[in-house]
Amino acid sequence: MSPPAVRRRLAPSLLSADFGAIGEAVRAAEAGGADAFHLDVMDGHFVPNLSFGPAMVAAVRARTRLPLDVHLMIDDPLRYAEAFRKAGGDTLVFHVESGSDPRAVVRRVHDLGAQVGAAIRPDTPFAEVEPLVPDLDQVLVMSVHPGFSGQKFLADVLPKVRAARDRVDALGTGADVSIDGGITTETAPAAAEAGASFFVCGNSTFVGGTVGENLARLRAAVEEGARRAVR
């Protein structure tokens, strides 16, 4: 049986938006063709930065019907999963390096009626997340070190993207293979060629140019990489 067709989606990261005009940023991205929104949750412990809590997720939820992809860069995702689900998160993505038992987090998020993703840092081997893949809706490969936006894309993570794509396709689950960090028109083609299907795009969406033009250029870059993959 052949694997399901890959649907490639763009998820603007609101960490790069103007927090004083978050509603305008959401509307511009939705009008510009965004497929989902990515919200980075940072606790100052798992990563050396602080960002969104459930209140921000709820504020975005009130302004869009697009899926909300909530990236839990926190020490104890099991403890906080319910709060972020109640706030409106559609997919809760946790790190396998966090303090919570990964299988317990997967079960809890599914019990809450949300999709679940597992993320790995750039220096974490794919083998750390591979046993979870049959039960995941998303595998997230970080292409920067988590914690701050605007970092340079780390191309040496692309073999892990390929490994995730091969495993998802072999299972036939249709799970997303997500990539997050430094995604631009220059780096998106290589990520798409490696098998990514869900592209978190922050500064490349909200910094410079209009949001609609930026997303159009990113989508063209993703499709170019996808064409390379089938040549």
N, C-alpha and C. Protein backbone atom coordinates (compact mmCIF):
# COMPACT_ATOMS: atom_id res chain seq x y z
N MET A 1 0.85 -1.20 0.00
CA MET A 1 0.00 0.00 0.00
C MET A 1 0.88 1.24 0.00
N SER A 2 0.60 2.18 -0.91
CA SER A 2 1.40 3.40 -0.97
C SER A 2 1.02 4.33 0.16
N PRO A 3 1.97 5.15 0.63
CA PRO A 3 1.67 6.07 1.73
C PRO A 3 0.69 7.14 1.28
N PRO A 4 -0.02 7.78 2.23
CA PRO A 4 -0.93 8.86 1.86
C PRO A 4 -0.17 10.00 1.19
N ALA A 5 -0.87 10.72 0.31
CA ALA A 5 -0.26 11.88 -0.34
C ALA A 5 0.13 12.90 0.72
N VAL A 6 1.27 13.54 0.51
CA VAL A 6 1.78 14.51 1.46
C VAL A 6 1.11 15.86 1.21
N ARG A 7 0.50 16.41 2.25
CA ARG A 7 -0.08 17.76 2.18
C ARG A 7 0.88 18.70 2.89
N ARG A 8 1.38 19.69 2.18
CA ARG A 8 2.37 20.60 2.74
C ARG A 8 1.70 21.87 3.22
N ARG A 9 1.98 22.25 4.46
CA ARG A 9 1.29 23.38 5.09
C ARG A 9 2.28 24.37 5.70
N LEU A 10 1.87 25.64 5.71
CA LEU A 10 2.65 26.71 6.31
C LEU A 10 1.99 27.15 7.60
N ALA A 11 2.79 27.25 8.67
CA ALA A 11 2.28 27.66 9.98
C ALA A 11 3.09 28.85 10.48
N PRO A 12 2.62 30.06 10.26
CA PRO A 12 3.33 31.23 10.79
C PRO A 12 3.48 31.16 12.30
N SER A 13 4.68 31.46 12.77
CA SER A 13 4.97 31.46 14.20
C SER A 13 4.71 32.84 14.77
N LEU A 14 3.75 32.93 15.69
CA LEU A 14 3.35 34.23 16.22
C LEU A 14 4.38 34.83 17.17
N LEU A 15 5.42 34.07 17.51
CA LEU A 15 6.50 34.63 18.31
C LEU A 15 7.19 35.77 17.56
N SER A 16 7.11 35.75 16.23
CA SER A 16 7.75 36.78 15.41
C SER A 16 6.82 37.92 15.05
N ALA A 17 5.56 37.83 15.45
CA ALA A 17 4.60 38.88 15.14
C ALA A 17 4.71 40.03 16.15
N ASP A 18 4.03 41.12 15.83
CA ASP A 18 3.95 42.27 16.74
C ASP A 18 2.93 41.94 17.82
N PHE A 19 3.39 41.75 19.05
CA PHE A 19 2.48 41.35 20.13
C PHE A 19 1.43 42.44 20.41
N GLY A 20 1.74 43.68 20.06
CA GLY A 20 0.79 44.76 20.29
C GLY A 20 -0.32 44.81 19.26
N ALA A 21 -0.17 44.00 18.21
CA ALA A 21 -1.17 43.97 17.15
C ALA A 21 -1.38 42.53 16.70
N ILE A 22 -1.54 41.65 17.67
CA ILE A 22 -1.59 40.22 17.34
C ILE A 22 -2.82 39.89 16.50
N GLY A 23 -3.93 40.58 16.75
CA GLY A 23 -5.12 40.32 15.94
C GLY A 23 -4.89 40.65 14.48
N GLU A 24 -4.24 41.78 14.22
CA GLU A 24 -3.94 42.17 12.85
C GLU A 24 -3.00 41.17 12.19
N ALA A 25 -2.01 40.68 12.96
CA ALA A 25 -1.08 39.69 12.42
C ALA A 25 -1.80 38.40 12.04
N VAL A 26 -2.70 37.96 12.90
CA VAL A 26 -3.46 36.74 12.62
C VAL A 26 -4.32 36.93 11.37
N ARG A 27 -5.01 38.05 11.27
CA ARG A 27 -5.87 38.29 10.12
C ARG A 27 -5.07 38.37 8.83
N ALA A 28 -3.91 39.03 8.88
CA ALA A 28 -3.09 39.16 7.67
C ALA A 28 -2.57 37.80 7.22
N ALA A 29 -2.14 36.97 8.16
CA ALA A 29 -1.61 35.66 7.80
C ALA A 29 -2.72 34.75 7.27
N GLU A 30 -3.88 34.82 7.89
CA GLU A 30 -5.00 34.00 7.41
C GLU A 30 -5.40 34.42 6.00
N ALA A 31 -5.50 35.72 5.77
CA ALA A 31 -5.83 36.21 4.44
C ALA A 31 -4.74 35.88 3.43
N GLY A 32 -3.50 35.79 3.90
CA GLY A 32 -2.38 35.51 3.01
C GLY A 32 -2.18 34.04 2.71
N GLY A 33 -3.00 33.16 3.28
CA GLY A 33 -2.93 31.75 2.93
C GLY A 33 -2.30 30.84 3.96
N ALA A 34 -2.14 31.31 5.19
CA ALA A 34 -1.62 30.42 6.24
C ALA A 34 -2.55 29.23 6.41
N ASP A 35 -1.96 28.08 6.74
CA ASP A 35 -2.74 26.86 6.96
C ASP A 35 -3.00 26.59 8.43
N ALA A 36 -2.18 27.19 9.30
CA ALA A 36 -2.29 27.00 10.75
C ALA A 36 -1.47 28.09 11.40
N PHE A 37 -1.54 28.18 12.72
CA PHE A 37 -0.68 29.09 13.47
C PHE A 37 0.11 28.29 14.50
N HIS A 38 1.37 28.69 14.67
CA HIS A 38 2.28 28.04 15.60
C HIS A 38 2.51 28.98 16.78
N LEU A 39 2.31 28.46 17.98
CA LEU A 39 2.51 29.25 19.19
C LEU A 39 3.56 28.59 20.07
N ASP A 40 4.63 29.32 20.35
CA ASP A 40 5.73 28.82 21.15
C ASP A 40 5.49 29.11 22.63
N VAL A 41 5.46 28.06 23.43
CA VAL A 41 5.29 28.19 24.87
C VAL A 41 6.63 27.88 25.53
N MET A 42 7.19 28.86 26.24
CA MET A 42 8.51 28.71 26.86
C MET A 42 8.43 29.09 28.33
N ASP A 43 9.05 28.26 29.18
CA ASP A 43 8.88 28.41 30.63
C ASP A 43 10.08 28.99 31.36
N GLY A 44 11.14 29.33 30.64
CA GLY A 44 12.34 29.85 31.30
C GLY A 44 13.19 28.79 31.97
N HIS A 45 12.79 27.53 31.86
CA HIS A 45 13.54 26.42 32.46
C HIS A 45 14.00 25.44 31.38
N PHE A 46 13.06 24.89 30.62
CA PHE A 46 13.44 23.99 29.54
C PHE A 46 14.25 24.72 28.47
N VAL A 47 13.86 25.97 28.24
CA VAL A 47 14.64 26.87 27.37
C VAL A 47 14.84 28.19 28.12
N PRO A 48 15.90 28.93 27.81
CA PRO A 48 16.20 30.16 28.56
C PRO A 48 15.42 31.37 28.06
N ASN A 49 14.11 31.22 28.00
CA ASN A 49 13.28 32.33 27.55
C ASN A 49 11.86 32.10 28.08
N LEU A 50 11.07 33.16 28.11
CA LEU A 50 9.67 33.08 28.51
C LEU A 50 8.81 33.58 27.37
N SER A 51 7.65 32.96 27.17
CA SER A 51 6.77 33.45 26.11
C SER A 51 5.32 33.21 26.48
N PHE A 52 4.57 32.60 25.58
CA PHE A 52 3.13 32.52 25.71
C PHE A 52 2.67 31.54 26.79
N GLY A 53 1.51 31.87 27.37
CA GLY A 53 0.79 30.95 28.24
C GLY A 53 -0.57 30.66 27.65
N PRO A 54 -1.43 29.97 28.38
CA PRO A 54 -2.76 29.64 27.87
C PRO A 54 -3.57 30.86 27.47
N ALA A 55 -3.39 32.00 28.14
CA ALA A 55 -4.18 33.19 27.82
C ALA A 55 -3.91 33.65 26.39
N MET A 56 -2.67 33.58 25.94
CA MET A 56 -2.36 33.98 24.57
C MET A 56 -2.97 32.99 23.58
N VAL A 57 -2.90 31.72 23.89
CA VAL A 57 -3.52 30.72 23.01
C VAL A 57 -5.02 31.01 22.89
N ALA A 58 -5.67 31.30 24.00
CA ALA A 58 -7.09 31.59 23.98
C ALA A 58 -7.38 32.86 23.18
N ALA A 59 -6.51 33.87 23.28
CA ALA A 59 -6.71 35.11 22.53
C ALA A 59 -6.62 34.86 21.03
N VAL A 60 -5.66 34.03 20.62
CA VAL A 60 -5.54 33.70 19.20
C VAL A 60 -6.72 32.85 18.75
N ARG A 61 -7.12 31.91 19.61
CA ARG A 61 -8.25 31.04 19.27
C ARG A 61 -9.51 31.87 18.98
N ALA A 62 -9.68 32.98 19.70
CA ALA A 62 -10.86 33.83 19.52
C ALA A 62 -10.81 34.59 18.21
N ARG A 63 -9.64 34.61 17.55
CA ARG A 63 -9.48 35.42 16.35
C ARG A 63 -9.33 34.61 15.07
N THR A 64 -9.33 33.31 15.16
CA THR A 64 -9.18 32.49 13.95
C THR A 64 -9.78 31.11 14.16
N ARG A 65 -10.19 30.52 13.04
CA ARG A 65 -10.65 29.13 13.06
C ARG A 65 -9.58 28.17 12.54
N LEU A 66 -8.44 28.73 12.12
CA LEU A 66 -7.36 27.86 11.66
C LEU A 66 -6.81 27.04 12.82
N PRO A 67 -6.23 25.87 12.52
CA PRO A 67 -5.65 25.05 13.59
C PRO A 67 -4.54 25.78 14.34
N LEU A 68 -4.50 25.56 15.65
CA LEU A 68 -3.44 26.12 16.48
C LEU A 68 -2.49 25.00 16.90
N ASP A 69 -1.24 25.18 16.51
CA ASP A 69 -0.16 24.24 16.78
C ASP A 69 0.64 24.79 17.95
N VAL A 70 0.48 24.19 19.12
CA VAL A 70 1.06 24.73 20.35
C VAL A 70 2.31 23.94 20.72
N HIS A 71 3.44 24.61 20.68
CA HIS A 71 4.75 23.98 20.89
C HIS A 71 5.17 24.18 22.34
N LEU A 72 5.09 23.12 23.12
CA LEU A 72 5.35 23.19 24.56
C LEU A 72 6.83 22.97 24.85
N MET A 73 7.57 24.06 24.87
CA MET A 73 8.99 23.99 25.24
C MET A 73 9.09 24.22 26.74
N ILE A 74 8.58 23.23 27.48
CA ILE A 74 8.47 23.35 28.94
C ILE A 74 8.90 22.04 29.59
N ASP A 75 9.24 22.14 30.87
CA ASP A 75 9.76 20.98 31.60
C ASP A 75 8.72 19.90 31.85
N ASP A 76 7.46 20.28 32.06
CA ASP A 76 6.45 19.32 32.49
C ASP A 76 5.20 19.42 31.62
N PRO A 77 5.28 19.00 30.36
CA PRO A 77 4.11 19.14 29.47
C PRO A 77 2.90 18.34 29.94
N LEU A 78 3.12 17.23 30.63
CA LEU A 78 1.99 16.44 31.11
C LEU A 78 1.12 17.25 32.06
N ARG A 79 1.75 18.05 32.90
CA ARG A 79 1.01 18.85 33.88
C ARG A 79 0.16 19.93 33.22
N TYR A 80 0.63 20.48 32.12
CA TYR A 80 -0.02 21.65 31.54
C TYR A 80 -0.82 21.36 30.27
N ALA A 81 -0.84 20.11 29.83
CA ALA A 81 -1.53 19.78 28.58
C ALA A 81 -3.00 20.20 28.61
N GLU A 82 -3.68 19.92 29.69
CA GLU A 82 -5.10 20.23 29.75
C GLU A 82 -5.36 21.73 29.63
N ALA A 83 -4.54 22.54 30.26
CA ALA A 83 -4.74 23.99 30.21
C ALA A 83 -4.61 24.51 28.79
N PHE A 84 -3.63 24.01 28.04
CA PHE A 84 -3.45 24.48 26.68
C PHE A 84 -4.49 23.91 25.73
N ARG A 85 -4.98 22.73 26.02
CA ARG A 85 -6.09 22.20 25.23
C ARG A 85 -7.35 23.02 25.47
N LYS A 86 -7.66 23.31 26.71
CA LYS A 86 -8.85 24.11 27.02
C LYS A 86 -8.75 25.51 26.43
N ALA A 87 -7.54 26.03 26.30
CA ALA A 87 -7.35 27.36 25.72
C ALA A 87 -7.58 27.38 24.23
N GLY A 88 -7.59 26.20 23.59
CA GLY A 88 -7.88 26.15 22.17
C GLY A 88 -6.84 25.49 21.31
N GLY A 89 -5.81 24.89 21.91
CA GLY A 89 -4.80 24.21 21.12
C GLY A 89 -5.36 22.99 20.41
N ASP A 90 -5.11 22.89 19.11
CA ASP A 90 -5.56 21.73 18.34
C ASP A 90 -4.52 20.62 18.31
N THR A 91 -3.26 21.02 18.23
CA THR A 91 -2.14 20.07 18.30
C THR A 91 -1.22 20.54 19.41
N LEU A 92 -0.89 19.66 20.33
CA LEU A 92 0.05 19.97 21.39
C LEU A 92 1.33 19.20 21.11
N VAL A 93 2.42 19.93 20.96
CA VAL A 93 3.71 19.34 20.61
C VAL A 93 4.63 19.46 21.82
N PHE A 94 5.12 18.35 22.33
CA PHE A 94 6.00 18.36 23.49
C PHE A 94 7.39 17.85 23.08
N HIS A 95 8.36 18.07 23.95
CA HIS A 95 9.72 17.61 23.67
C HIS A 95 9.99 16.29 24.38
N VAL A 96 10.59 15.36 23.65
CA VAL A 96 10.95 14.08 24.27
C VAL A 96 12.03 14.28 25.33
N GLU A 97 12.73 15.43 25.28
CA GLU A 97 13.78 15.70 26.27
C GLU A 97 13.22 16.29 27.57
N SER A 98 11.92 16.54 27.62
CA SER A 98 11.33 17.14 28.82
C SER A 98 11.25 16.13 29.95
N GLY A 99 10.81 16.60 31.12
CA GLY A 99 10.76 15.73 32.29
C GLY A 99 9.59 14.77 32.33
N SER A 100 8.60 14.94 31.47
CA SER A 100 7.42 14.06 31.48
C SER A 100 7.68 12.77 30.72
N ASP A 101 7.00 11.70 31.14
CA ASP A 101 7.09 10.43 30.42
C ASP A 101 6.44 10.61 29.05
N PRO A 102 7.16 10.39 27.95
CA PRO A 102 6.61 10.67 26.62
C PRO A 102 5.33 9.91 26.31
N ARG A 103 5.27 8.63 26.66
CA ARG A 103 4.06 7.87 26.34
C ARG A 103 2.86 8.36 27.15
N ALA A 104 3.11 8.80 28.37
CA ALA A 104 2.03 9.36 29.17
C ALA A 104 1.50 10.65 28.56
N VAL A 105 2.40 11.48 28.02
CA VAL A 105 1.96 12.71 27.38
C VAL A 105 1.12 12.39 26.14
N VAL A 106 1.58 11.46 25.33
CA VAL A 106 0.83 11.09 24.13
C VAL A 106 -0.57 10.63 24.49
N ARG A 107 -0.68 9.75 25.49
CA ARG A 107 -2.00 9.27 25.90
C ARG A 107 -2.87 10.40 26.41
N ARG A 108 -2.30 11.28 27.24
CA ARG A 108 -3.08 12.35 27.83
C ARG A 108 -3.60 13.32 26.78
N VAL A 109 -2.76 13.70 25.85
CA VAL A 109 -3.20 14.65 24.82
C VAL A 109 -4.29 14.04 23.96
N HIS A 110 -4.14 12.79 23.59
CA HIS A 110 -5.20 12.14 22.82
C HIS A 110 -6.48 12.02 23.64
N ASP A 111 -6.36 11.74 24.90
CA ASP A 111 -7.55 11.67 25.77
C ASP A 111 -8.26 13.02 25.84
N LEU A 112 -7.52 14.10 25.71
CA LEU A 112 -8.10 15.44 25.73
C LEU A 112 -8.75 15.82 24.40
N GLY A 113 -8.63 14.94 23.41
CA GLY A 113 -9.25 15.19 22.12
C GLY A 113 -8.41 16.02 21.18
N ALA A 114 -7.13 16.18 21.46
CA ALA A 114 -6.24 16.95 20.61
C ALA A 114 -5.29 16.02 19.86
N GLN A 115 -4.68 16.54 18.82
CA GLN A 115 -3.59 15.84 18.17
C GLN A 115 -2.32 16.05 18.98
N VAL A 116 -1.38 15.13 18.82
CA VAL A 116 -0.16 15.21 19.61
C VAL A 116 1.06 15.10 18.70
N GLY A 117 2.05 15.93 19.00
CA GLY A 117 3.32 15.86 18.30
C GLY A 117 4.46 15.73 19.29
N ALA A 118 5.55 15.15 18.85
CA ALA A 118 6.75 15.04 19.67
C ALA A 118 7.90 15.71 18.92
N ALA A 119 8.66 16.52 19.64
CA ALA A 119 9.73 17.30 19.05
C ALA A 119 11.08 16.84 19.57
N ILE A 120 12.10 17.03 18.72
CA ILE A 120 13.48 16.76 19.13
C ILE A 120 14.34 17.97 18.80
N ARG A 121 15.28 18.25 19.70
CA ARG A 121 16.25 19.33 19.48
C ARG A 121 17.21 18.95 18.35
N PRO A 122 17.96 19.92 17.84
CA PRO A 122 18.91 19.61 16.77
C PRO A 122 19.94 18.55 17.14
N ASP A 123 20.31 18.46 18.43
CA ASP A 123 21.34 17.51 18.83
C ASP A 123 20.76 16.21 19.41
N THR A 124 19.45 16.01 19.29
CA THR A 124 18.83 14.78 19.76
C THR A 124 18.66 13.81 18.61
N PRO A 125 19.13 12.57 18.73
CA PRO A 125 19.01 11.61 17.63
C PRO A 125 17.55 11.27 17.35
N PHE A 126 17.26 10.95 16.09
CA PHE A 126 15.91 10.53 15.72
C PHE A 126 15.48 9.31 16.51
N ALA A 127 16.43 8.46 16.90
CA ALA A 127 16.10 7.25 17.66
C ALA A 127 15.35 7.55 18.95
N GLU A 128 15.50 8.76 19.49
CA GLU A 128 14.82 9.11 20.73
C GLU A 128 13.32 9.29 20.54
N VAL A 129 12.89 9.63 19.35
CA VAL A 129 11.46 9.83 19.10
C VAL A 129 10.86 8.68 18.28
N GLU A 130 11.68 7.91 17.61
CA GLU A 130 11.19 6.88 16.69
C GLU A 130 10.18 5.91 17.30
N PRO A 131 10.37 5.42 18.55
CA PRO A 131 9.38 4.49 19.11
C PRO A 131 7.98 5.09 19.27
N LEU A 132 7.89 6.42 19.33
CA LEU A 132 6.59 7.07 19.51
C LEU A 132 5.85 7.30 18.20
N VAL A 133 6.55 7.23 17.09
CA VAL A 133 5.99 7.66 15.81
C VAL A 133 4.66 6.99 15.46
N PRO A 134 4.47 5.69 15.73
CA PRO A 134 3.18 5.09 15.38
C PRO A 134 1.98 5.76 16.03
N ASP A 135 2.19 6.44 17.15
CA ASP A 135 1.08 7.04 17.89
C ASP A 135 1.02 8.56 17.76
N LEU A 136 1.84 9.14 16.90
CA LEU A 136 1.92 10.59 16.78
C LEU A 136 1.14 11.12 15.59
N ASP A 137 0.69 12.34 15.72
CA ASP A 137 0.09 13.08 14.61
C ASP A 137 1.11 14.01 13.96
N GLN A 138 2.22 14.24 14.66
CA GLN A 138 3.27 15.11 14.14
C GLN A 138 4.61 14.73 14.76
N VAL A 139 5.64 14.73 13.93
CA VAL A 139 7.02 14.62 14.39
C VAL A 139 7.70 15.94 14.04
N LEU A 140 8.21 16.63 15.05
CA LEU A 140 8.83 17.94 14.84
C LEU A 140 10.33 17.83 15.00
N VAL A 141 11.04 18.17 13.93
CA VAL A 141 12.50 18.25 13.96
C VAL A 141 12.88 19.72 14.07
N MET A 142 13.52 20.09 15.17
CA MET A 142 13.97 21.46 15.34
C MET A 142 15.22 21.70 14.49
N SER A 143 15.17 22.77 13.69
CA SER A 143 16.33 23.12 12.86
C SER A 143 17.07 24.34 13.40
N VAL A 144 16.73 24.74 14.63
CA VAL A 144 17.53 25.67 15.44
C VAL A 144 17.43 25.16 16.87
N HIS A 145 18.26 25.72 17.73
CA HIS A 145 18.16 25.36 19.14
C HIS A 145 16.97 26.12 19.74
N PRO A 146 16.05 25.43 20.39
CA PRO A 146 14.82 26.08 20.84
C PRO A 146 15.07 27.17 21.88
N GLY A 147 14.24 28.23 21.78
CA GLY A 147 14.31 29.28 22.77
C GLY A 147 14.23 30.69 22.22
N PHE A 148 14.76 30.90 21.00
CA PHE A 148 14.78 32.25 20.46
C PHE A 148 14.52 32.21 18.96
N SER A 149 13.80 33.20 18.46
CA SER A 149 13.56 33.29 17.02
C SER A 149 14.75 33.95 16.33
N GLY A 150 14.78 33.82 15.01
CA GLY A 150 15.80 34.50 14.22
C GLY A 150 17.13 33.79 14.11
N GLN A 151 17.21 32.53 14.52
CA GLN A 151 18.46 31.79 14.43
C GLN A 151 18.69 31.23 13.02
N LYS A 152 19.94 30.87 12.75
CA LYS A 152 20.31 30.32 11.44
C LYS A 152 19.90 28.86 11.34
N PHE A 153 19.36 28.50 10.20
CA PHE A 153 18.93 27.13 9.91
C PHE A 153 20.11 26.16 9.97
N LEU A 154 19.91 25.03 10.65
CA LEU A 154 20.95 24.01 10.79
C LEU A 154 20.66 22.87 9.82
N ALA A 155 21.36 22.89 8.69
CA ALA A 155 21.08 21.92 7.63
C ALA A 155 21.41 20.49 8.03
N ASP A 156 22.24 20.30 9.06
CA ASP A 156 22.61 18.93 9.41
C ASP A 156 21.48 18.16 10.09
N VAL A 157 20.33 18.79 10.31
CA VAL A 157 19.17 18.05 10.83
C VAL A 157 18.37 17.38 9.72
N LEU A 158 18.66 17.69 8.46
CA LEU A 158 17.84 17.17 7.37
C LEU A 158 17.80 15.64 7.28
N PRO A 159 18.89 14.93 7.60
CA PRO A 159 18.76 13.47 7.63
C PRO A 159 17.70 12.97 8.61
N LYS A 160 17.49 13.71 9.69
CA LYS A 160 16.43 13.31 10.65
C LYS A 160 15.05 13.56 10.05
N VAL A 161 14.92 14.61 9.26
CA VAL A 161 13.66 14.84 8.55
C VAL A 161 13.39 13.68 7.59
N ARG A 162 14.42 13.25 6.88
CA ARG A 162 14.24 12.12 5.95
C ARG A 162 13.88 10.84 6.70
N ALA A 163 14.52 10.64 7.84
CA ALA A 163 14.21 9.44 8.64
C ALA A 163 12.78 9.47 9.14
N ALA A 164 12.32 10.64 9.56
CA ALA A 164 10.94 10.77 10.02
C ALA A 164 9.97 10.53 8.87
N ARG A 165 10.24 11.10 7.70
CA ARG A 165 9.37 10.89 6.53
C ARG A 165 9.31 9.41 6.16
N ASP A 166 10.46 8.76 6.15
CA ASP A 166 10.49 7.33 5.79
C ASP A 166 9.68 6.50 6.78
N ARG A 167 9.79 6.82 8.05
CA ARG A 167 9.07 6.05 9.07
C ARG A 167 7.57 6.30 9.00
N VAL A 168 7.17 7.56 8.84
CA VAL A 168 5.75 7.88 8.72
C VAL A 168 5.15 7.22 7.48
N ASP A 169 5.88 7.29 6.36
CA ASP A 169 5.36 6.68 5.14
C ASP A 169 5.27 5.17 5.25
N ALA A 170 6.25 4.55 5.91
CA ALA A 170 6.21 3.10 6.09
C ALA A 170 5.01 2.68 6.93
N LEU A 171 4.67 3.49 7.92
CA LEU A 171 3.52 3.20 8.77
C LEU A 171 2.20 3.54 8.11
N GLY A 172 2.23 4.52 7.18
CA GLY A 172 1.01 4.94 6.51
C GLY A 172 0.06 5.72 7.38
N THR A 173 0.59 6.40 8.41
CA THR A 173 -0.28 7.11 9.35
C THR A 173 -0.73 8.47 8.85
N GLY A 174 0.01 9.04 7.90
CA GLY A 174 -0.31 10.39 7.44
C GLY A 174 0.11 11.48 8.40
N ALA A 175 0.91 11.15 9.40
CA ALA A 175 1.37 12.16 10.36
C ALA A 175 2.21 13.23 9.65
N ASP A 176 2.18 14.43 10.19
CA ASP A 176 3.01 15.50 9.67
C ASP A 176 4.46 15.30 10.09
N VAL A 177 5.36 15.65 9.19
CA VAL A 177 6.77 15.81 9.54
C VAL A 177 7.03 17.31 9.52
N SER A 178 7.26 17.86 10.69
CA SER A 178 7.34 19.31 10.85
C SER A 178 8.79 19.74 11.03
N ILE A 179 9.07 20.95 10.55
CA ILE A 179 10.39 21.53 10.75
C ILE A 179 10.22 22.97 11.23
N ASP A 180 11.06 23.35 12.20
CA ASP A 180 10.87 24.62 12.89
C ASP A 180 12.23 25.24 13.16
N GLY A 181 12.45 26.42 12.55
CA GLY A 181 13.68 27.16 12.84
C GLY A 181 14.41 27.57 11.58
N GLY A 182 14.46 28.87 11.32
CA GLY A 182 15.22 29.37 10.18
C GLY A 182 14.63 29.02 8.84
N ILE A 183 13.31 28.80 8.78
CA ILE A 183 12.68 28.46 7.50
C ILE A 183 12.44 29.73 6.70
N THR A 184 13.11 29.80 5.55
CA THR A 184 13.02 30.95 4.65
C THR A 184 12.85 30.42 3.23
N THR A 185 12.77 31.33 2.28
CA THR A 185 12.69 30.88 0.88
C THR A 185 13.97 30.18 0.45
N GLU A 186 15.08 30.43 1.14
CA GLU A 186 16.33 29.75 0.80
C GLU A 186 16.42 28.35 1.41
N THR A 187 15.85 28.16 2.60
CA THR A 187 15.99 26.87 3.29
C THR A 187 14.78 25.95 3.12
N ALA A 188 13.62 26.51 2.82
CA ALA A 188 12.42 25.69 2.69
C ALA A 188 12.52 24.62 1.61
N PRO A 189 13.14 24.90 0.44
CA PRO A 189 13.20 23.84 -0.57
C PRO A 189 13.93 22.59 -0.10
N ALA A 190 15.04 22.76 0.62
CA ALA A 190 15.78 21.58 1.10
C ALA A 190 14.96 20.81 2.13
N ALA A 191 14.23 21.53 2.98
CA ALA A 191 13.40 20.87 3.97
C ALA A 191 12.27 20.09 3.31
N ALA A 192 11.67 20.69 2.29
CA ALA A 192 10.60 19.99 1.57
C ALA A 192 11.14 18.79 0.81
N GLU A 193 12.30 18.94 0.21
CA GLU A 193 12.91 17.83 -0.52
C GLU A 193 13.21 16.67 0.42
N ALA A 194 13.59 16.99 1.68
CA ALA A 194 13.89 15.94 2.66
C ALA A 194 12.63 15.25 3.17
N GLY A 195 11.46 15.87 2.97
CA GLY A 195 10.22 15.21 3.37
C GLY A 195 9.37 15.95 4.36
N ALA A 196 9.74 17.18 4.71
CA ALA A 196 8.91 17.95 5.64
C ALA A 196 7.57 18.27 5.00
N SER A 197 6.54 18.30 5.83
CA SER A 197 5.20 18.62 5.33
C SER A 197 4.57 19.79 6.08
N PHE A 198 5.15 20.20 7.20
CA PHE A 198 4.58 21.26 8.04
C PHE A 198 5.72 22.20 8.38
N PHE A 199 5.60 23.44 7.88
CA PHE A 199 6.73 24.38 7.93
C PHE A 199 6.39 25.54 8.86
N VAL A 200 7.11 25.63 9.96
CA VAL A 200 6.93 26.74 10.89
C VAL A 200 7.78 27.90 10.38
N CYS A 201 7.14 29.03 10.14
CA CYS A 201 7.83 30.16 9.50
C CYS A 201 7.53 31.42 10.29
N GLY A 202 8.55 31.97 10.93
CA GLY A 202 8.37 33.11 11.81
C GLY A 202 8.78 34.42 11.17
N ASN A 203 10.07 34.77 11.28
CA ASN A 203 10.53 36.03 10.71
C ASN A 203 10.26 36.11 9.22
N SER A 204 10.33 34.99 8.52
CA SER A 204 10.11 35.00 7.08
C SER A 204 8.66 35.30 6.72
N THR A 205 7.77 35.23 7.68
CA THR A 205 6.37 35.63 7.47
C THR A 205 6.15 37.08 7.84
N PHE A 206 6.65 37.48 9.00
CA PHE A 206 6.24 38.75 9.59
C PHE A 206 7.26 39.88 9.49
N VAL A 207 8.48 39.61 9.05
CA VAL A 207 9.52 40.64 9.01
C VAL A 207 9.86 40.96 7.56
N GLY A 208 9.61 42.20 7.14
CA GLY A 208 9.92 42.62 5.78
C GLY A 208 8.85 42.22 4.79
N GLY A 209 8.47 43.13 3.91
CA GLY A 209 7.43 42.83 2.93
C GLY A 209 6.07 42.69 3.58
N THR A 210 5.07 42.33 2.79
CA THR A 210 3.75 42.07 3.35
C THR A 210 3.62 40.60 3.71
N VAL A 211 2.75 40.32 4.65
CA VAL A 211 2.58 38.93 5.09
C VAL A 211 2.11 38.06 3.93
N GLY A 212 1.16 38.55 3.14
CA GLY A 212 0.67 37.76 2.01
C GLY A 212 1.74 37.46 1.00
N GLU A 213 2.55 38.46 0.66
CA GLU A 213 3.64 38.24 -0.30
C GLU A 213 4.67 37.26 0.26
N ASN A 214 4.98 37.42 1.54
CA ASN A 214 5.96 36.52 2.16
C ASN A 214 5.48 35.08 2.14
N LEU A 215 4.22 34.85 2.47
CA LEU A 215 3.70 33.48 2.48
C LEU A 215 3.65 32.91 1.07
N ALA A 216 3.33 33.74 0.08
CA ALA A 216 3.31 33.25 -1.30
C ALA A 216 4.69 32.81 -1.74
N ARG A 217 5.71 33.59 -1.37
CA ARG A 217 7.07 33.20 -1.72
C ARG A 217 7.50 31.93 -1.00
N LEU A 218 7.13 31.81 0.26
CA LEU A 218 7.46 30.60 1.01
C LEU A 218 6.78 29.37 0.40
N ARG A 219 5.53 29.51 0.02
CA ARG A 219 4.82 28.37 -0.55
C ARG A 219 5.46 27.94 -1.88
N ALA A 220 5.86 28.91 -2.69
CA ALA A 220 6.53 28.58 -3.94
C ALA A 220 7.84 27.85 -3.69
N ALA A 221 8.57 28.28 -2.65
CA ALA A 221 9.83 27.61 -2.31
C ALA A 221 9.60 26.18 -1.84
N VAL A 222 8.56 25.99 -1.03
CA VAL A 222 8.23 24.64 -0.56
C VAL A 222 7.87 23.74 -1.74
N GLU A 223 7.06 24.24 -2.65
CA GLU A 223 6.64 23.42 -3.79
C GLU A 223 7.81 23.10 -4.71
N GLU A 224 8.76 24.02 -4.83
CA GLU A 224 9.96 23.74 -5.61
C GLU A 224 10.74 22.58 -4.99
N GLY A 225 10.89 22.59 -3.67
CA GLY A 225 11.58 21.48 -3.01
C GLY A 225 10.83 20.17 -3.17
N ALA A 226 9.51 20.22 -3.12
CA ALA A 226 8.71 19.01 -3.28
C ALA A 226 8.89 18.43 -4.68
N ARG A 227 8.99 19.31 -5.69
CA ARG A 227 9.22 18.82 -7.05
C ARG A 227 10.57 18.14 -7.17
N ARG A 228 11.57 18.68 -6.49
CA ARG A 228 12.89 18.05 -6.53
C ARG A 228 12.83 16.63 -5.96
N ALA A 229 12.01 16.47 -4.95
CA ALA A 229 11.96 15.16 -4.25
C ALA A 229 11.42 14.06 -5.14
N VAL A 230 10.64 14.40 -6.17
CA VAL A 230 10.04 13.37 -7.01
C VAL A 230 10.70 13.24 -8.37
N ARG A 231 11.77 13.98 -8.60
CA ARG A 231 12.47 13.89 -9.89
C ARG A 231 13.27 12.60 -9.97
